[in-house]
Amino acid sequence: MWGAAQAISLITSVIVGLIVLGILLVLLEANRGNGLVDWILEAGEFLVKPFANFFALDTIKARVVVNWGIGALIYGAIGGLIARALYR
């Protein structure tokens, strides 16, 4: 199960990394016309869809930081718990 735990950890890291990168791109107002930026933001939007409207804040930046941040924390926590369970 050691390999499965490592795979879960890697997948969790990639998911959380994409979400955090998406948050940074929104905060820095990256050019959505760029293909890579657009792909990262679309992937982030897909991953955080269940958490997208937890809080209806005034600005887009605030909504993304809070709601996407909650999504990243939840993905990280669940992935970490699963990986830890498989390590044992």
Protein backbone atom coordinates (compact mmCIF):
# COMPACT_ATOMS: atom_id res chain seq x y z
CA MET A 1 0.00 0.00 0.00
CA TRP A 2 3.06 2.24 0.21
CA GLY A 3 2.86 3.01 -3.52
CA ALA A 4 -0.88 3.73 -3.39
CA ALA A 5 -0.33 6.18 -0.52
CA GLN A 6 2.39 7.95 -2.49
CA ALA A 7 0.14 8.13 -5.55
CA ILE A 8 -2.68 9.65 -3.48
CA SER A 9 -0.24 12.16 -2.00
CA LEU A 10 1.01 13.12 -5.46
CA ILE A 11 -2.51 13.51 -6.87
CA THR A 12 -3.54 15.58 -3.85
CA SER A 13 -0.49 17.80 -4.25
CA VAL A 14 -1.23 18.40 -7.93
CA ILE A 15 -4.88 19.25 -7.25
CA VAL A 16 -4.07 21.61 -4.37
CA GLY A 17 -1.22 23.13 -6.41
CA LEU A 18 -3.54 23.85 -9.35
CA ILE A 19 -6.07 25.52 -7.07
CA VAL A 20 -3.45 27.65 -5.31
CA LEU A 21 -1.87 28.60 -8.63
CA GLY A 22 -5.32 29.60 -9.88
CA ILE A 23 -5.81 31.80 -6.80
CA LEU A 24 -2.48 33.49 -7.46
CA LEU A 25 -3.32 34.06 -11.12
CA VAL A 26 -6.63 35.71 -10.19
CA LEU A 27 -4.97 37.88 -7.53
CA LEU A 28 -2.27 38.98 -9.96
CA GLU A 29 -4.88 39.57 -12.69
CA ALA A 30 -3.14 37.29 -15.17
CA ASN A 31 -4.10 37.57 -18.84
CA ARG A 32 -6.86 35.03 -19.44
CA GLY A 33 -6.13 35.32 -23.17
CA ASN A 34 -2.99 33.27 -22.54
CA GLY A 35 -3.70 29.60 -23.18
CA LEU A 36 -1.81 28.28 -20.15
CA VAL A 37 -3.41 30.79 -17.77
CA ASP A 38 -6.85 29.97 -19.17
CA TRP A 39 -6.26 26.22 -18.81
CA ILE A 40 -5.12 26.55 -15.18
CA LEU A 41 -8.10 28.74 -14.28
CA GLU A 42 -10.55 26.41 -16.02
CA ALA A 43 -9.04 23.42 -14.20
CA GLY A 44 -9.31 25.30 -10.92
CA GLU A 45 -12.93 26.26 -11.62
CA PHE A 46 -13.76 22.62 -12.34
CA LEU A 47 -12.06 21.37 -9.17
CA VAL A 48 -13.66 23.90 -6.84
CA LYS A 49 -17.14 23.81 -8.38
CA PRO A 50 -18.66 22.25 -5.19
CA PHE A 51 -17.11 25.05 -3.09
CA ALA A 52 -17.53 27.96 -5.52
CA ASN A 53 -20.44 29.66 -3.76
CA PHE A 54 -19.83 29.01 -0.07
CA PHE A 55 -19.48 32.74 0.54
CA ALA A 56 -20.91 35.47 -1.69
CA LEU A 57 -18.32 38.19 -1.19
CA ASP A 58 -18.25 41.58 -2.91
CA THR A 59 -15.27 41.17 -5.24
CA ILE A 60 -14.23 38.36 -7.53
CA LYS A 61 -10.79 38.26 -5.94
CA ALA A 62 -12.22 37.85 -2.45
CA ARG A 63 -14.62 35.13 -3.65
CA VAL A 64 -11.84 33.22 -5.35
CA VAL A 65 -9.43 33.48 -2.42
CA VAL A 66 -11.98 32.38 0.18
CA ASN A 67 -13.99 29.79 -1.75
CA TRP A 68 -11.10 28.29 -3.70
CA GLY A 69 -8.99 28.36 -0.53
CA ILE A 70 -11.66 26.33 1.27
CA GLY A 71 -11.65 23.87 -1.63
CA ALA A 72 -7.86 23.53 -1.48
CA LEU A 73 -7.98 22.93 2.28
CA ILE A 74 -10.69 20.29 1.96
CA TYR A 75 -8.90 18.48 -0.88
CA GLY A 76 -5.65 18.59 1.08
CA ALA A 77 -7.25 17.30 4.27
CA ILE A 78 -9.13 14.46 2.61
CA GLY A 79 -6.17 13.44 0.46
CA GLY A 80 -3.87 13.56 3.48
CA LEU A 81 -6.22 11.40 5.55
CA ILE A 82 -6.53 8.82 2.78
CA ALA A 83 -2.77 8.72 2.23
CA ARG A 84 -2.12 8.39 5.97
CA ALA A 85 -4.61 5.55 6.23
CA LEU A 86 -2.89 3.74 3.37
CA TYR A 87 0.59 4.23 4.89
CA ARG A 88 -0.51 2.22 7.93
